[in-house]
Amino acid sequence: MRKMQEYRLKGKGIFIGLEDSKRSWKLCVRSEGMIIHETSMPARFEVLHSYLRGSYPECKIKVMYEAGFGGFWLCDLLRQEGIDCIVTPAHKVTQEKVNKVKTDRVDARRLALNLEKGDYVCCWVPDRERREDRQISRTLSQMQDTIKTMLNRIRKFLDYHGLNGEMAPGAWKRWQYRNLRTMKLGESLQICMEAYLDALEKLEEIESGLLVRMKELSKKERYREAVKSKESCPGIGAVREPPLQLFRPRNHRPEYYQRRAADRPRKVPSRIYRRPNMRRAV
């Protein structure tokens, strides 16, 4: 039976919908308009690669999965092995309105069907270098959020113990927080204040290192031209430019995106009249 299946599928197009999770992957395999196999396997690339090469030799394999927490590493590995891989946005996956069942098996079937019919939208998959550079920007934002949390924690600490009587109202500068080391507090409160300020100092040190790295990225060859084009924009400086270019590179959309955009009918612009409590388009 196995040899007969290999003979019938030899040289055929194989369309696989993959529903990923942390522990296991659900696969639905279609070919020539029908489901030929469904399976589940551990979430390891070695197992997936062995299954694809062992079960469908000399076949044109195409895999599609939804973009999510796993990122694009699986797509990279599949493409390195010569397997065509599509990453699709989860909110763009079309499905039947009458189908209200939501399971990993059903999702894998839907992905495989959409892949075979060509009814899907493809994500732009950035290369590994750009993804790693993006992580610097993400980490910087996370550290800045953590610093803001720490600053609020110190202010609430002072409020709770009634120690803000002589403090300036409103937002504080960073140096005002550093001056809190000179406050005379009880032994327990002094230990807590030192812990807060030490943590804040460490976070600020990390933030400074990430900012230095962001400025280095702005001088990188692949980002230099795009960063330079943003220099004249108001409100954008040396620190803000790299994140913009890391997340919004120039001309990154695939050709079919541009083709589909050109095929859409153009909307006739309407004139908007604004009146009190009224908005009318003519």
Protein backbone atom coordinates (compact mmCIF):
# COMPACT_ATOMS: atom_id res chain seq x y z
CA MET A 1 0.00 0.00 0.00
CA ARG A 2 2.86 2.34 0.84
CA LYS A 3 4.58 1.69 -2.49
CA MET A 4 1.30 2.23 -4.34
CA GLN A 5 0.81 5.57 -2.59
CA GLU A 6 4.35 6.67 -3.41
CA TYR A 7 3.81 5.69 -7.05
CA ARG A 8 0.56 7.65 -7.32
CA LEU A 9 2.02 10.75 -5.64
CA LYS A 10 5.39 10.72 -7.35
CA GLY A 11 6.02 14.10 -8.98
CA LYS A 12 2.67 15.46 -7.74
CA GLY A 13 2.07 18.65 -5.82
CA ILE A 14 1.74 18.14 -2.06
CA PHE A 15 -0.01 20.86 -0.04
CA ILE A 16 0.41 20.76 3.73
CA GLY A 17 -1.38 22.84 6.31
CA LEU A 18 0.54 23.01 9.58
CA GLU A 19 -1.04 24.17 12.83
CA ASP A 20 1.78 24.86 15.26
CA SER A 21 1.85 24.92 19.04
CA LYS A 22 4.53 24.62 21.69
CA ARG A 23 4.37 20.85 22.17
CA SER A 24 2.97 19.38 18.95
CA TRP A 25 2.17 20.13 15.32
CA LYS A 26 -0.99 19.08 13.49
CA LEU A 27 -0.58 18.39 9.77
CA CYS A 28 -3.12 17.96 7.01
CA VAL A 29 -1.79 16.78 3.63
CA ARG A 30 -3.73 17.34 0.41
CA SER A 31 -3.07 16.44 -3.19
CA GLU A 32 -5.25 16.51 -6.31
CA GLY A 33 -8.23 17.95 -4.43
CA MET A 34 -8.41 15.45 -1.58
CA ILE A 35 -6.98 14.80 1.87
CA ILE A 36 -4.43 12.00 1.68
CA HIS A 37 -3.09 12.05 5.24
CA GLU A 38 -3.50 13.70 8.62
CA THR A 39 -1.06 13.34 11.46
CA SER A 40 0.34 14.85 14.64
CA MET A 41 3.99 15.03 15.64
CA PRO A 42 6.27 16.61 18.26
CA ALA A 43 7.15 20.24 17.59
CA ARG A 44 10.66 19.49 16.31
CA PHE A 45 11.96 20.27 12.85
CA GLU A 46 13.94 17.02 12.61
CA VAL A 47 10.72 15.00 12.95
CA LEU A 48 8.91 17.13 10.37
CA HIS A 49 11.76 16.95 7.86
CA SER A 50 12.04 13.17 8.23
CA TYR A 51 8.29 12.81 7.67
CA LEU A 52 8.24 14.99 4.56
CA ARG A 53 11.25 13.38 2.88
CA GLY A 54 10.28 9.86 3.89
CA SER A 55 6.59 10.01 2.98
CA TYR A 56 6.67 12.16 -0.16
CA PRO A 57 9.90 11.60 -2.09
CA GLU A 58 10.28 13.39 -5.43
CA CYS A 59 7.16 15.44 -4.75
CA LYS A 60 6.73 19.19 -4.95
CA ILE A 61 6.00 19.99 -1.31
CA LYS A 62 4.45 23.25 -0.20
CA VAL A 63 3.80 24.05 3.48
CA MET A 64 1.74 26.85 5.01
CA TYR A 65 1.35 27.86 8.64
CA GLU A 66 0.03 30.88 10.50
CA ALA A 67 2.33 33.61 11.76
CA GLY A 68 2.41 33.60 15.53
CA PHE A 69 4.56 33.18 18.61
CA GLY A 70 7.01 30.88 16.80
CA GLY A 71 8.22 33.57 14.43
CA PHE A 72 9.87 32.62 11.15
CA TRP A 73 12.55 30.13 12.18
CA LEU A 74 10.55 27.16 10.85
CA CYS A 75 10.14 28.90 7.49
CA ASP A 76 13.91 29.47 7.33
CA LEU A 77 14.68 25.80 7.97
CA LEU A 78 12.14 24.54 5.44
CA ARG A 79 13.41 26.85 2.72
CA GLN A 80 16.98 25.80 3.43
CA GLU A 81 15.91 22.23 2.68
CA GLY A 82 14.34 23.30 -0.61
CA ILE A 83 10.74 23.11 0.63
CA ASP A 84 8.46 25.98 -0.32
CA CYS A 85 6.97 27.54 2.80
CA ILE A 86 4.25 30.17 3.15
CA VAL A 87 3.61 32.15 6.35
CA THR A 88 0.13 33.63 6.38
CA PRO A 89 -1.43 36.18 8.78
CA ALA A 90 -3.89 34.45 11.10
CA HIS A 91 -6.57 37.10 10.57
CA LYS A 92 -6.43 36.64 6.78
CA VAL A 93 -7.23 32.91 6.75
CA THR A 94 -10.58 32.45 5.00
CA GLN A 95 -13.03 29.90 6.37
CA GLU A 96 -16.64 28.86 5.95
CA LYS A 97 -19.16 30.86 7.94
CA VAL A 98 -21.15 27.75 8.83
CA ASN A 99 -18.10 26.10 10.42
CA LYS A 100 -18.06 27.03 14.11
CA VAL A 101 -15.71 24.26 15.23
CA LYS A 102 -12.26 25.54 16.26
CA THR A 103 -9.58 22.89 16.79
CA ASP A 104 -6.00 22.44 15.64
CA ARG A 105 -7.08 19.63 13.31
CA VAL A 106 -9.76 21.78 11.68
CA ASP A 107 -7.32 24.68 11.33
CA ALA A 108 -4.74 22.43 9.65
CA ARG A 109 -7.40 21.26 7.19
CA ARG A 110 -8.39 24.83 6.39
CA LEU A 111 -4.77 25.88 5.82
CA ALA A 112 -4.15 22.94 3.50
CA LEU A 113 -7.33 23.66 1.53
CA ASN A 114 -6.55 27.36 1.15
CA LEU A 115 -3.00 26.54 0.10
CA GLU A 116 -4.16 24.14 -2.59
CA LYS A 117 -6.75 26.61 -3.90
CA GLY A 118 -4.31 29.54 -3.78
CA ASP A 119 -6.70 31.43 -1.48
CA TYR A 120 -4.22 32.95 0.96
CA VAL A 121 -2.19 36.04 1.80
CA CYS A 122 1.54 35.73 2.38
CA CYS A 123 3.51 37.50 5.10
CA TRP A 124 6.76 39.22 4.28
CA VAL A 125 9.46 37.14 5.98
CA PRO A 126 12.43 39.34 6.98
CA ASP A 127 15.87 37.78 6.85
CA ARG A 128 17.60 36.59 10.02
CA GLU A 129 19.87 39.64 10.28
CA ARG A 130 16.96 42.06 10.22
CA ARG A 131 15.00 40.01 12.75
CA GLU A 132 17.96 40.00 15.13
CA ASP A 133 18.42 43.75 14.69
CA ARG A 134 14.74 44.25 15.42
CA GLN A 135 15.19 42.49 18.73
CA ILE A 136 17.47 45.33 19.85
CA SER A 137 14.62 47.76 19.27
CA ARG A 138 12.12 45.52 21.09
CA THR A 139 14.43 45.04 24.05
CA LEU A 140 15.03 48.79 24.25
CA SER A 141 11.28 49.45 24.38
CA GLN A 142 10.84 46.78 27.03
CA MET A 143 13.63 48.23 29.16
CA GLN A 144 12.15 51.72 28.88
CA ASP A 145 8.77 50.37 30.00
CA THR A 146 10.45 48.62 32.93
CA ILE A 147 12.23 51.86 33.89
CA LYS A 148 8.91 53.70 33.84
CA THR A 149 7.42 51.02 36.08
CA MET A 150 10.34 51.32 38.49
CA LEU A 151 9.99 55.11 38.65
CA ASN A 152 6.29 54.80 39.44
CA ARG A 153 7.09 52.17 42.06
CA ILE A 154 9.46 54.55 43.82
CA ARG A 155 6.88 57.36 43.81
CA LYS A 156 4.21 55.04 45.26
CA PHE A 157 6.70 53.89 47.87
CA LEU A 158 7.17 57.49 48.98
CA ASP A 159 3.42 58.17 48.91
CA TYR A 160 2.57 55.12 51.01
CA HIS A 161 5.00 56.03 53.77
CA GLY A 162 4.24 59.76 53.69
CA LEU A 163 7.75 60.74 52.56
CA ASN A 164 6.80 63.01 49.69
CA GLY A 165 5.93 66.12 51.70
CA GLU A 166 8.94 68.12 50.57
CA MET A 167 9.15 66.56 47.12
CA ALA A 168 8.41 68.53 43.96
CA PRO A 169 4.99 67.78 42.45
CA GLY A 170 4.53 66.54 38.91
CA ALA A 171 6.96 64.55 36.82
CA TRP A 172 10.53 64.20 38.06
CA LYS A 173 13.80 64.20 36.22
CA ARG A 174 16.11 61.22 36.50
CA TRP A 175 18.56 63.13 38.70
CA GLN A 176 15.82 63.80 41.23
CA TYR A 177 15.40 60.07 41.74
CA ARG A 178 19.14 59.64 42.18
CA ASN A 179 19.10 62.31 44.93
CA LEU A 180 16.82 60.07 47.00
CA ARG A 181 19.93 58.23 48.19
CA THR A 182 20.57 61.14 50.56
CA MET A 183 17.24 60.73 52.36
CA LYS A 184 17.36 59.72 56.04
CA LEU A 185 15.08 56.73 56.50
CA GLY A 186 14.58 53.93 58.94
CA GLU A 187 16.69 50.81 58.52
CA SER A 188 14.03 48.74 56.73
CA LEU A 189 12.92 51.59 54.47
CA GLN A 190 16.53 52.45 53.68
CA ILE A 191 17.17 48.89 52.49
CA CYS A 192 14.08 49.03 50.28
CA MET A 193 15.01 52.43 48.83
CA GLU A 194 18.55 51.24 48.06
CA ALA A 195 17.13 48.17 46.33
CA TYR A 196 14.84 50.32 44.15
CA LEU A 197 17.59 52.78 43.24
CA ASP A 198 20.13 50.03 42.51
CA ALA A 199 17.63 48.34 40.19
CA LEU A 200 16.91 51.68 38.49
CA GLU A 201 20.61 52.37 38.03
CA LYS A 202 21.14 48.95 36.46
CA LEU A 203 18.20 49.42 34.09
CA GLU A 204 19.50 52.83 33.01
CA GLU A 205 22.89 51.27 32.30
CA ILE A 206 21.25 48.62 30.10
CA GLU A 207 19.18 51.30 28.35
CA SER A 208 22.34 53.31 27.56
CA GLY A 209 24.02 50.26 26.04
CA LEU A 210 20.99 49.51 23.86
CA LEU A 211 20.84 53.12 22.69
CA VAL A 212 24.48 52.94 21.65
CA ARG A 213 23.72 49.78 19.69
CA MET A 214 20.71 51.45 18.02
CA LYS A 215 22.91 54.32 16.85
CA GLU A 216 25.37 51.79 15.44
CA LEU A 217 22.54 50.12 13.54
CA SER A 218 21.55 53.46 12.01
CA LYS A 219 25.00 53.57 10.39
CA LYS A 220 24.75 50.06 8.98
CA GLU A 221 25.00 49.87 5.21
CA ARG A 222 21.59 48.29 4.64
CA TYR A 223 19.78 50.89 6.80
CA ARG A 224 21.89 53.98 6.09
CA GLU A 225 20.01 55.26 3.05
CA ALA A 226 16.57 54.75 4.58
CA VAL A 227 17.61 56.38 7.86
CA LYS A 228 19.02 59.36 6.00
CA SER A 229 15.70 59.88 4.21
CA LYS A 230 13.97 60.29 7.59
CA GLU A 231 16.34 62.87 9.02
CA SER A 232 14.25 65.81 7.84
CA CYS A 233 11.03 64.47 9.39
CA PRO A 234 9.98 66.39 12.52
CA GLY A 235 10.15 64.46 15.78
CA ILE A 236 12.50 61.79 14.43
CA GLY A 237 16.05 61.68 15.71
CA ALA A 238 18.99 59.31 15.73
CA VAL A 239 17.28 57.03 18.26
CA ARG A 240 13.87 56.94 16.57
CA GLU A 241 15.08 56.41 13.00
CA PRO A 242 16.51 52.87 13.32
CA PRO A 243 13.29 51.33 14.73
CA LEU A 244 11.32 52.87 11.88
CA GLN A 245 13.62 51.36 9.28
CA LEU A 246 13.98 48.01 11.04
CA PHE A 247 10.23 47.55 11.08
CA ARG A 248 9.31 49.41 7.88
CA PRO A 249 12.01 48.75 5.28
CA ARG A 250 11.67 50.19 1.82
CA ASN A 251 10.11 48.11 -0.97
CA HIS A 252 9.69 44.99 1.12
CA ARG A 253 6.34 43.95 -0.29
CA PRO A 254 6.34 40.98 -2.69
CA GLU A 255 5.49 41.48 -6.33
CA TYR A 256 2.09 39.86 -6.04
CA TYR A 257 1.15 42.34 -3.30
CA GLN A 258 1.97 45.18 -5.67
CA ARG A 259 0.13 43.46 -8.49
CA ARG A 260 -2.96 42.90 -6.38
CA ALA A 261 -2.90 46.51 -5.24
CA ALA A 262 -2.75 47.67 -8.87
CA ASP A 263 -5.70 45.45 -9.82
CA ARG A 264 -8.00 46.91 -7.20
CA PRO A 265 -10.56 49.43 -8.49
CA ARG A 266 -9.81 52.97 -7.46
CA LYS A 267 -12.27 54.70 -5.18
CA VAL A 268 -13.63 58.07 -6.22
CA PRO A 269 -12.62 60.59 -3.53
CA SER A 270 -15.57 62.16 -1.77
CA ARG A 271 -15.90 65.65 -0.38
CA ILE A 272 -16.49 65.74 3.35
CA TYR A 273 -18.63 68.49 4.85
CA ARG A 274 -18.30 68.96 8.59
CA ARG A 275 -21.15 70.53 10.54
CA PRO A 276 -22.05 70.39 14.24
CA ASN A 277 -22.98 66.76 15.03
CA MET A 278 -23.13 65.96 11.32
CA ARG A 279 -20.81 64.36 8.78
CA ARG A 280 -21.99 63.89 5.23
CA ALA A 281 -20.12 62.45 2.25
CA VAL A 282 -21.25 63.53 -1.20
